[in-house]
């Protein structure tokens, strides 16, 4: 019986060692990949876009009456809403 127990322990040790070696290999691979990555340049400025859209909408709406504004948004909603 003690011999079987030792074999089980050895098998468990070898499996754990293989998993650890694989984990280290994977981590090294990921670190190398991250090191070789080039930083991306974000060319889209969300705040600038939002301000431009708000300004454009303000210019359009300032020339409209209340009823025209309601019609404008009804038409816009009909065009942009996805219907099943």
PDB file of N, CA and C in Angstrom:
ATOM      1  N   UNK A   1       0.806  -1.218   0.000  1.00  0.00           N
ATOM      2  CA  UNK A   1       0.000   0.000   0.000  1.00  0.00           C
ATOM      3  C   UNK A   1       0.847   1.280   0.000  1.00  0.00           C
ATOM      4  N   UNK A   2       1.866   1.376   0.798  1.00  0.00           N
ATOM      5  CA  UNK A   2       2.632   2.626   0.783  1.00  0.00           C
ATOM      6  C   UNK A   2       3.237   2.938  -0.582  1.00  0.00           C
ATOM      7  N   UNK A   3       3.556   1.892  -1.364  1.00  0.00           N
ATOM      8  CA  UNK A   3       4.138   2.138  -2.685  1.00  0.00           C
ATOM      9  C   UNK A   3       3.132   2.836  -3.599  1.00  0.00           C
ATOM     10  N   UNK A   4       1.872   2.401  -3.559  1.00  0.00           N
ATOM     11  CA  UNK A   4       0.846   3.043  -4.390  1.00  0.00           C
ATOM     12  C   UNK A   4       0.652   4.496  -3.979  1.00  0.00           C
ATOM     13  N   UNK A   5       0.662   4.722  -2.691  1.00  0.00           N
ATOM     14  CA  UNK A   5       0.499   6.098  -2.195  1.00  0.00           C
ATOM     15  C   UNK A   5       1.633   6.977  -2.717  1.00  0.00           C
ATOM     16  N   UNK A   6       2.843   6.435  -2.735  1.00  0.00           N
ATOM     17  CA  UNK A   6       3.979   7.197  -3.223  1.00  0.00           C
ATOM     18  C   UNK A   6       3.822   7.493  -4.717  1.00  0.00           C
ATOM     19  N   UNK A   7       3.351   6.500  -5.497  1.00  0.00           N
ATOM     20  CA  UNK A   7       3.132   6.724  -6.924  1.00  0.00           C
ATOM     21  C   UNK A   7       2.091   7.804  -7.160  1.00  0.00           C
ATOM     22  N   UNK A   8       1.027   7.789  -6.370  1.00  0.00           N
ATOM     23  CA  UNK A   8      -0.003   8.820  -6.505  1.00  0.00           C
ATOM     24  C   UNK A   8       0.590  10.191  -6.197  1.00  0.00           C
ATOM     25  N   UNK A   9       1.390  10.265  -5.150  1.00  0.00           N
ATOM     26  CA  UNK A   9       2.011  11.542  -4.797  1.00  0.00           C
ATOM     27  C   UNK A   9       2.953  12.009  -5.894  1.00  0.00           C
ATOM     28  N   UNK A  10       3.745  11.080  -6.454  1.00  0.00           N
ATOM     29  CA  UNK A  10       4.657  11.443  -7.539  1.00  0.00           C
ATOM     30  C   UNK A  10       3.890  11.931  -8.760  1.00  0.00           C
ATOM     31  N   UNK A  11       2.812  11.237  -9.095  1.00  0.00           N
ATOM     32  CA  UNK A  11       1.997  11.623 -10.241  1.00  0.00           C
ATOM     33  C   UNK A  11       1.398  13.014 -10.018  1.00  0.00           C
ATOM     34  N   UNK A  12       0.897  13.235  -8.809  1.00  0.00           N
ATOM     35  CA  UNK A  12       0.327  14.541  -8.479  1.00  0.00           C
ATOM     36  C   UNK A  12       1.387  15.630  -8.568  1.00  0.00           C
ATOM     37  N   UNK A  13       2.571  15.349  -8.094  1.00  0.00           N
ATOM     38  CA  UNK A  13       3.667  16.315  -8.126  1.00  0.00           C
ATOM     39  C   UNK A  13       4.046  16.643  -9.574  1.00  0.00           C
ATOM     40  N   UNK A  14       4.156  15.592 -10.414  1.00  0.00           N
ATOM     41  CA  UNK A  14       4.542  15.816 -11.803  1.00  0.00           C
ATOM     42  C   UNK A  14       3.462  16.583 -12.568  1.00  0.00           C
ATOM     43  N   UNK A  15       2.200  16.275 -12.296  1.00  0.00           N
ATOM     44  CA  UNK A  15       1.111  17.006 -12.954  1.00  0.00           C
ATOM     45  C   UNK A  15       1.135  18.468 -12.545  1.00  0.00           C
ATOM     46  N   UNK A  16       1.315  18.724 -11.269  1.00  0.00           N
ATOM     47  CA  UNK A  16       1.365  20.108 -10.800  1.00  0.00           C
ATOM     48  C   UNK A  16       2.560  20.835 -11.386  1.00  0.00           C
ATOM     49  N   UNK A  17       3.687  20.150 -11.509  1.00  0.00           N
ATOM     50  CA  UNK A  17       4.879  20.776 -12.066  1.00  0.00           C
ATOM     51  C   UNK A  17       4.651  21.120 -13.536  1.00  0.00           C
ATOM     52  N   UNK A  18       3.976  20.206 -14.268  1.00  0.00           N
ATOM     53  CA  UNK A  18       3.696  20.474 -15.678  1.00  0.00           C
ATOM     54  C   UNK A  18       2.746  21.662 -15.832  1.00  0.00           C
ATOM     55  N   UNK A  19       1.748  21.715 -14.981  1.00  0.00           N
ATOM     56  CA  UNK A  19       0.805  22.842 -15.033  1.00  0.00           C
ATOM     57  C   UNK A  19       1.546  24.129 -14.714  1.00  0.00           C
ATOM     58  N   UNK A  20       2.411  24.106 -13.727  1.00  0.00           N
ATOM     59  CA  UNK A  20       3.170  25.300 -13.364  1.00  0.00           C
ATOM     60  C   UNK A  20       4.082  25.726 -14.500  1.00  0.00           C
ATOM     61  N   UNK A  21       4.752  24.743 -15.139  1.00  0.00           N
ATOM     62  CA  UNK A  21       5.628  25.075 -16.263  1.00  0.00           C
ATOM     63  C   UNK A  21       4.823  25.679 -17.408  1.00  0.00           C
ATOM     64  N   UNK A  22       3.659  25.109 -17.673  1.00  0.00           N
ATOM     65  CA  UNK A  22       2.806  25.633 -18.732  1.00  0.00           C
ATOM     66  C   UNK A  22       2.343  27.048 -18.391  1.00  0.00           C
ATOM     67  N   UNK A  23       1.974  27.267 -17.136  1.00  0.00           N
ATOM     68  CA  UNK A  23       1.523  28.600 -16.714  1.00  0.00           C
ATOM     69  C   UNK A  23       2.636  29.620 -16.892  1.00  0.00           C
ATOM     70  N   UNK A  24       3.840  29.252 -16.495  1.00  0.00           N
ATOM     71  CA  UNK A  24       4.968  30.172 -16.654  1.00  0.00           C
ATOM     72  C   UNK A  24       5.251  30.444 -18.123  1.00  0.00           C
ATOM     73  N   UNK A  25       5.154  29.419 -18.944  1.00  0.00           N
ATOM     74  CA  UNK A  25       5.368  29.582 -20.372  1.00  0.00           C
ATOM     75  C   UNK A  25       4.321  30.517 -20.967  1.00  0.00           C
ATOM     76  N   UNK A  26       3.083  30.332 -20.561  1.00  0.00           N
ATOM     77  CA  UNK A  26       1.996  31.182 -21.051  1.00  0.00           C
ATOM     78  C   UNK A  26       2.186  32.627 -20.601  1.00  0.00           C
ATOM     79  N   UNK A  27       2.549  32.814 -19.348  1.00  0.00           N
ATOM     80  CA  UNK A  27       2.769  34.170 -18.828  1.00  0.00           C
ATOM     81  C   UNK A  27       3.914  34.841 -19.571  1.00  0.00           C
ATOM     82  N   UNK A  28       5.007  34.119 -19.798  1.00  0.00           N
ATOM     83  CA  UNK A  28       6.134  34.691 -20.545  1.00  0.00           C
ATOM     84  C   UNK A  28       5.731  35.072 -21.959  1.00  0.00           C
ATOM     85  N   UNK A  29       4.939  34.221 -22.593  1.00  0.00           N
ATOM     86  CA  UNK A  29       4.469  34.511 -23.946  1.00  0.00           C
ATOM     87  C   UNK A  29       3.616  35.777 -23.962  1.00  0.00           C
ATOM     88  N   UNK A  30       2.703  35.894 -22.994  1.00  0.00           N
ATOM     89  CA  UNK A  30       1.835  37.077 -22.932  1.00  0.00           C
ATOM     90  C   UNK A  30       2.642  38.339 -22.650  1.00  0.00           C
ATOM     91  N   UNK A  31       3.614  38.247 -21.756  1.00  0.00           N
ATOM     92  CA  UNK A  31       4.444  39.412 -21.458  1.00  0.00           C
ATOM     93  C   UNK A  31       5.241  39.853 -22.679  1.00  0.00           C
ATOM     94  N   UNK A  32       5.765  38.894 -23.416  1.00  0.00           N
ATOM     95  CA  UNK A  32       6.506  39.218 -24.629  1.00  0.00           C
ATOM     96  C   UNK A  32       5.583  39.867 -25.660  1.00  0.00           C
ATOM     97  N   UNK A  33       4.373  39.337 -25.788  1.00  0.00           N
ATOM     98  CA  UNK A  33       3.411  39.914 -26.736  1.00  0.00           C
ATOM     99  C   UNK A  33       3.048  41.335 -26.324  1.00  0.00           C
ATOM    100  N   UNK A  34       2.862  41.562 -25.031  1.00  0.00           N
ATOM    101  CA  UNK A  34       2.516  42.902 -24.557  1.00  0.00           C
ATOM    102  C   UNK A  34       3.671  43.869 -24.767  1.00  0.00           C
ATOM    103  N   UNK A  35       4.894  43.369 -24.607  1.00  0.00           N
ATOM    104  CA  UNK A  35       6.068  44.215 -24.789  1.00  0.00           C
ATOM    105  C   UNK A  35       6.188  44.677 -26.241  1.00  0.00           C
ATOM    106  N   UNK A  36       5.801  43.801 -27.183  1.00  0.00           N
ATOM    107  CA  UNK A  36       5.906  44.114 -28.603  1.00  0.00           C
ATOM    108  C   UNK A  36       4.720  44.907 -29.134  1.00  0.00           C
ATOM    109  N   UNK A  37       3.686  45.092 -28.318  1.00  0.00           N
ATOM    110  CA  UNK A  37       2.511  45.839 -28.771  1.00  0.00           C
ATOM    111  C   UNK A  37       2.834  47.317 -28.913  1.00  0.00           C
ATOM    112  N   UNK A  38       2.278  47.903 -29.925  1.00  0.00           N
ATOM    113  CA  UNK A  38       2.453  49.341 -30.126  1.00  0.00           C
ATOM    114  C   UNK A  38       1.233  50.053 -29.554  1.00  0.00           C
ATOM    115  N   UNK A  39       1.435  51.182 -28.913  1.00  0.00           N
ATOM    116  CA  UNK A  39       0.278  51.903 -28.377  1.00  0.00           C
ATOM    117  C   UNK A  39      -0.604  52.424 -29.508  1.00  0.00           C
ATOM    118  N   UNK A  40      -1.893  52.330 -29.298  1.00  0.00           N
ATOM    119  CA  UNK A  40      -2.828  52.809 -30.311  1.00  0.00           C
ATOM    120  C   UNK A  40      -3.073  54.295 -30.101  1.00  0.00           C
ATOM    121  N   UNK A  41      -3.285  54.962 -31.197  1.00  0.00           N
ATOM    122  CA  UNK A  41      -3.590  56.391 -31.117  1.00  0.00           C
ATOM    123  C   UNK A  41      -5.087  56.564 -31.288  1.00  0.00           C
ATOM    124  N   UNK A  42      -5.703  57.191 -30.316  1.00  0.00           N
ATOM    125  CA  UNK A  42      -7.127  57.432 -30.392  1.00  0.00           C
ATOM    126  C   UNK A  42      -7.351  58.728 -31.165  1.00  0.00           C
ATOM    127  N   UNK A  43      -7.902  58.607 -32.353  1.00  0.00           N
ATOM    128  CA  UNK A  43      -8.118  59.792 -33.184  1.00  0.00           C
ATOM    129  C   UNK A  43      -9.512  60.376 -32.997  1.00  0.00           C
ATOM    130  N   UNK A  44     -10.378  59.659 -32.282  1.00  0.00           N
ATOM    131  CA  UNK A  44     -11.741  60.132 -32.066  1.00  0.00           C
ATOM    132  C   UNK A  44     -11.837  60.780 -30.691  1.00  0.00           C
ATOM    133  N   UNK A  45     -12.255  62.040 -30.672  1.00  0.00           N
ATOM    134  CA  UNK A  45     -12.425  62.760 -29.420  1.00  0.00           C
ATOM    135  C   UNK A  45     -13.928  62.878 -29.155  1.00  0.00           C
ATOM    136  N   UNK A  46     -14.416  62.113 -28.185  1.00  0.00           N
ATOM    137  CA  UNK A  46     -15.851  62.051 -27.915  1.00  0.00           C
ATOM    138  C   UNK A  46     -16.400  63.388 -27.422  1.00  0.00           C
ATOM    139  N   UNK A  47     -15.650  64.079 -26.591  1.00  0.00           N
ATOM    140  CA  UNK A  47     -16.120  65.363 -26.053  1.00  0.00           C
ATOM    141  C   UNK A  47     -16.227  66.392 -27.171  1.00  0.00           C
ATOM    142  N   UNK A  48     -15.228  66.430 -28.028  1.00  0.00           N
ATOM    143  CA  UNK A  48     -15.248  67.370 -29.151  1.00  0.00           C
ATOM    144  C   UNK A  48     -16.429  67.071 -30.078  1.00  0.00           C
ATOM    145  N   UNK A  49     -16.657  65.777 -30.357  1.00  0.00           N
ATOM    146  CA  UNK A  49     -17.769  65.371 -31.209  1.00  0.00           C
ATOM    147  C   UNK A  49     -19.105  65.789 -30.601  1.00  0.00           C
ATOM    148  N   UNK A  50     -19.258  65.540 -29.302  1.00  0.00           N
ATOM    149  CA  UNK A  50     -20.506  65.885 -28.619  1.00  0.00           C
ATOM    150  C   UNK A  50     -20.748  67.397 -28.680  1.00  0.00           C
ATOM    151  N   UNK A  51     -19.717  68.177 -28.476  1.00  0.00           N
ATOM    152  CA  UNK A  51     -19.870  69.636 -28.516  1.00  0.00           C
ATOM    153  C   UNK A  51     -20.221  70.118 -29.914  1.00  0.00           C
ATOM    154  N   UNK A  52     -19.624  69.528 -30.935  1.00  0.00           N
ATOM    155  CA  UNK A  52     -19.944  69.912 -32.318  1.00  0.00           C
ATOM    156  C   UNK A  52     -21.392  69.568 -32.660  1.00  0.00           C
ATOM    157  N   UNK A  53     -21.823  68.382 -32.264  1.00  0.00           N
ATOM    158  CA  UNK A  53     -23.201  67.965 -32.544  1.00  0.00           C
ATOM    159  C   UNK A  53     -24.201  68.846 -31.802  1.00  0.00           C
ATOM    160  N   UNK A  54     -23.889  69.171 -30.557  1.00  0.00           N
ATOM    161  CA  UNK A  54     -24.780  70.021 -29.770  1.00  0.00           C
ATOM    162  C   UNK A  54     -24.885  71.413 -30.395  1.00  0.00           C
ATOM    163  N   UNK A  55     -23.752  71.941 -30.849  1.00  0.00           N
ATOM    164  CA  UNK A  55     -23.747  73.263 -31.472  1.00  0.00           C
ATOM    165  C   UNK A  55     -24.540  73.250 -32.777  1.00  0.00           C
ATOM    166  N   UNK A  56     -24.351  72.196 -33.586  1.00  0.00           N
ATOM    167  CA  UNK A  56     -25.083  72.087 -34.849  1.00  0.00           C
ATOM    168  C   UNK A  56     -26.583  71.982 -34.585  1.00  0.00           C
ATOM    169  N   UNK A  57     -26.973  71.177 -33.603  1.00  0.00           N
ATOM    170  CA  UNK A  57     -28.380  71.022 -33.274  1.00  0.00           C
ATOM    171  C   UNK A  57     -28.966  72.328 -32.742  1.00  0.00           C
ATOM    172  N   UNK A  58     -28.196  73.026 -31.943  1.00  0.00           N
ATOM    173  CA  UNK A  58     -28.663  74.326 -31.426  1.00  0.00           C
ATOM    174  C   UNK A  58     -28.927  75.307 -32.562  1.00  0.00           C
ATOM    175  N   UNK A  59     -28.041  75.341 -33.536  1.00  0.00           N
ATOM    176  CA  UNK A  59     -28.217  76.244 -34.673  1.00  0.00           C
ATOM    177  C   UNK A  59     -29.480  75.898 -35.453  1.00  0.00           C
ATOM    178  N   UNK A  60     -29.711  74.592 -35.666  1.00  0.00           N
ATOM    179  CA  UNK A  60     -30.910  74.161 -36.391  1.00  0.00           C
ATOM    180  C   UNK A  60     -32.171  74.515 -35.623  1.00  0.00           C
ATOM    181  N   UNK A  61     -32.186  74.200 -34.336  1.00  0.00           N
ATOM    182  CA  UNK A  61     -33.399  74.371 -33.542  1.00  0.00           C
ATOM    183  C   UNK A  61     -33.699  75.834 -33.236  1.00  0.00           C
ATOM    184  N   UNK A  62     -32.687  76.671 -33.199  1.00  0.00           N
ATOM    185  CA  UNK A  62     -32.916  78.080 -32.884  1.00  0.00           C
ATOM    186  C   UNK A  62     -33.739  78.789 -33.965  1.00  0.00           C
ATOM    187  N   UNK A  63     -33.724  78.246 -35.170  1.00  0.00           N
ATOM    188  CA  UNK A  63     -34.459  78.849 -36.278  1.00  0.00           C
ATOM    189  C   UNK A  63     -35.858  78.252 -36.438  1.00  0.00           C
ATOM    190  N   UNK A  64     -36.228  77.308 -35.587  1.00  0.00           N
ATOM    191  CA  UNK A  64     -37.517  76.627 -35.722  1.00  0.00           C
ATOM    192  C   UNK A  64     -38.488  77.052 -34.630  1.00  0.00           C
ATOM    193  N   UNK A  65     -39.766  76.895 -34.952  1.00  0.00           N
ATOM    194  CA  UNK A  65     -40.790  77.123 -33.934  1.00  0.00           C
ATOM    195  C   UNK A  65     -40.930  75.838 -33.107  1.00  0.00           C
ATOM    196  N   UNK A  66     -41.741  75.941 -32.061  1.00  0.00           N
ATOM    197  CA  UNK A  66     -41.945  74.786 -31.183  1.00  0.00           C
ATOM    198  C   UNK A  66     -42.547  73.611 -31.955  1.00  0.00           C
ATOM    199  N   UNK A  67     -43.508  73.874 -32.797  1.00  0.00           N
ATOM    200  CA  UNK A  67     -44.152  72.821 -33.576  1.00  0.00           C
ATOM    201  C   UNK A  67     -43.180  72.192 -34.574  1.00  0.00           C
ATOM    202  N   UNK A  68     -42.338  73.010 -35.193  1.00  0.00           N
ATOM    203  CA  UNK A  68     -41.339  72.500 -36.139  1.00  0.00           C
ATOM    204  C   UNK A  68     -40.311  71.605 -35.429  1.00  0.00           C
ATOM    205  N   UNK A  69     -39.973  71.986 -34.205  1.00  0.00           N
ATOM    206  CA  UNK A  69     -39.025  71.179 -33.417  1.00  0.00           C
ATOM    207  C   UNK A  69     -39.632  69.813 -33.120  1.00  0.00           C
ATOM    208  N   UNK A  70     -40.914  69.790 -32.716  1.00  0.00           N
ATOM    209  CA  UNK A  70     -41.580  68.514 -32.450  1.00  0.00           C
ATOM    210  C   UNK A  70     -41.613  67.651 -33.716  1.00  0.00           C
ATOM    211  N   UNK A  71     -41.926  68.248 -34.845  1.00  0.00           N
ATOM    212  CA  UNK A  71     -41.959  67.514 -36.112  1.00  0.00           C
ATOM    213  C   UNK A  71     -40.569  66.980 -36.479  1.00  0.00           C
ATOM    214  N   UNK A  72     -39.579  67.816 -36.277  1.00  0.00           N
ATOM    215  CA  UNK A  72     -38.199  67.413 -36.584  1.00  0.00           C
ATOM    216  C   UNK A  72     -37.818  66.154 -35.793  1.00  0.00           C
ATOM    217  N   UNK A  73     -38.125  66.149 -34.496  1.00  0.00           N
ATOM    218  CA  UNK A  73     -37.758  64.996 -33.667  1.00  0.00           C
ATOM    219  C   UNK A  73     -38.634  63.774 -33.965  1.00  0.00           C
ATOM    220  N   UNK A  74     -39.878  63.986 -34.366  1.00  0.00           N
ATOM    221  CA  UNK A  74     -40.722  62.852 -34.774  1.00  0.00           C
ATOM    222  C   UNK A  74     -40.145  62.184 -36.018  1.00  0.00           C
ATOM    223  N   UNK A  75     -39.744  63.001 -36.997  1.00  0.00           N
ATOM    224  CA  UNK A  75     -39.159  62.460 -38.219  1.00  0.00           C
ATOM    225  C   UNK A  75     -37.828  61.767 -37.930  1.00  0.00           C
ATOM    226  N   UNK A  76     -37.036  62.381 -37.092  1.00  0.00           N
ATOM    227  CA  UNK A  76     -35.740  61.806 -36.733  1.00  0.00           C
ATOM    228  C   UNK A  76     -35.911  60.463 -36.023  1.00  0.00           C
ATOM    229  N   UNK A  77     -36.877  60.398 -35.132  1.00  0.00           N
ATOM    230  CA  UNK A  77     -37.142  59.154 -34.421  1.00  0.00           C
ATOM    231  C   UNK A  77     -37.612  58.063 -35.355  1.00  0.00           C
ATOM    232  N   UNK A  78     -38.448  58.424 -36.321  1.00  0.00           N
ATOM    233  CA  UNK A  78     -38.950  57.443 -37.277  1.00  0.00           C
ATOM    234  C   UNK A  78     -37.818  56.899 -38.141  1.00  0.00           C
ATOM    235  N   UNK A  79     -36.835  57.723 -38.453  1.00  0.00           N
ATOM    236  CA  UNK A  79     -35.712  57.294 -39.283  1.00  0.00           C
ATOM    237  C   UNK A  79     -34.700  56.451 -38.512  1.00  0.00           C
ATOM    238  N   UNK A  80     -34.478  56.784 -37.248  1.00  0.00           N
ATOM    239  CA  UNK A  80     -33.407  56.136 -36.487  1.00  0.00           C
ATOM    240  C   UNK A  80     -33.863  54.982 -35.616  1.00  0.00           C
ATOM    241  N   UNK A  81     -35.162  54.865 -35.352  1.00  0.00           N
ATOM    242  CA  UNK A  81     -35.648  53.791 -34.499  1.00  0.00           C
ATOM    243  C   UNK A  81     -35.710  52.492 -35.282  1.00  0.00           C
ATOM    244  N   UNK A  82     -35.204  51.442 -34.683  1.00  0.00           N
ATOM    245  CA  UNK A  82     -35.237  50.122 -35.313  1.00  0.00           C
ATOM    246  C   UNK A  82     -36.530  49.431 -34.917  1.00  0.00           C
ATOM    247  N   UNK A  83     -37.302  49.064 -35.914  1.00  0.00           N
ATOM    248  CA  UNK A  83     -38.572  48.407 -35.657  1.00  0.00           C
ATOM    249  C   UNK A  83     -38.470  46.944 -36.014  1.00  0.00           C
ATOM    250  N   UNK A  84     -39.119  46.067 -35.244  1.00  0.00           N
ATOM    251  CA  UNK A  84     -39.055  44.639 -35.550  1.00  0.00           C
ATOM    252  C   UNK A  84     -39.809  44.273 -36.809  1.00  0.00           C
TER     253      UNK A  84
END
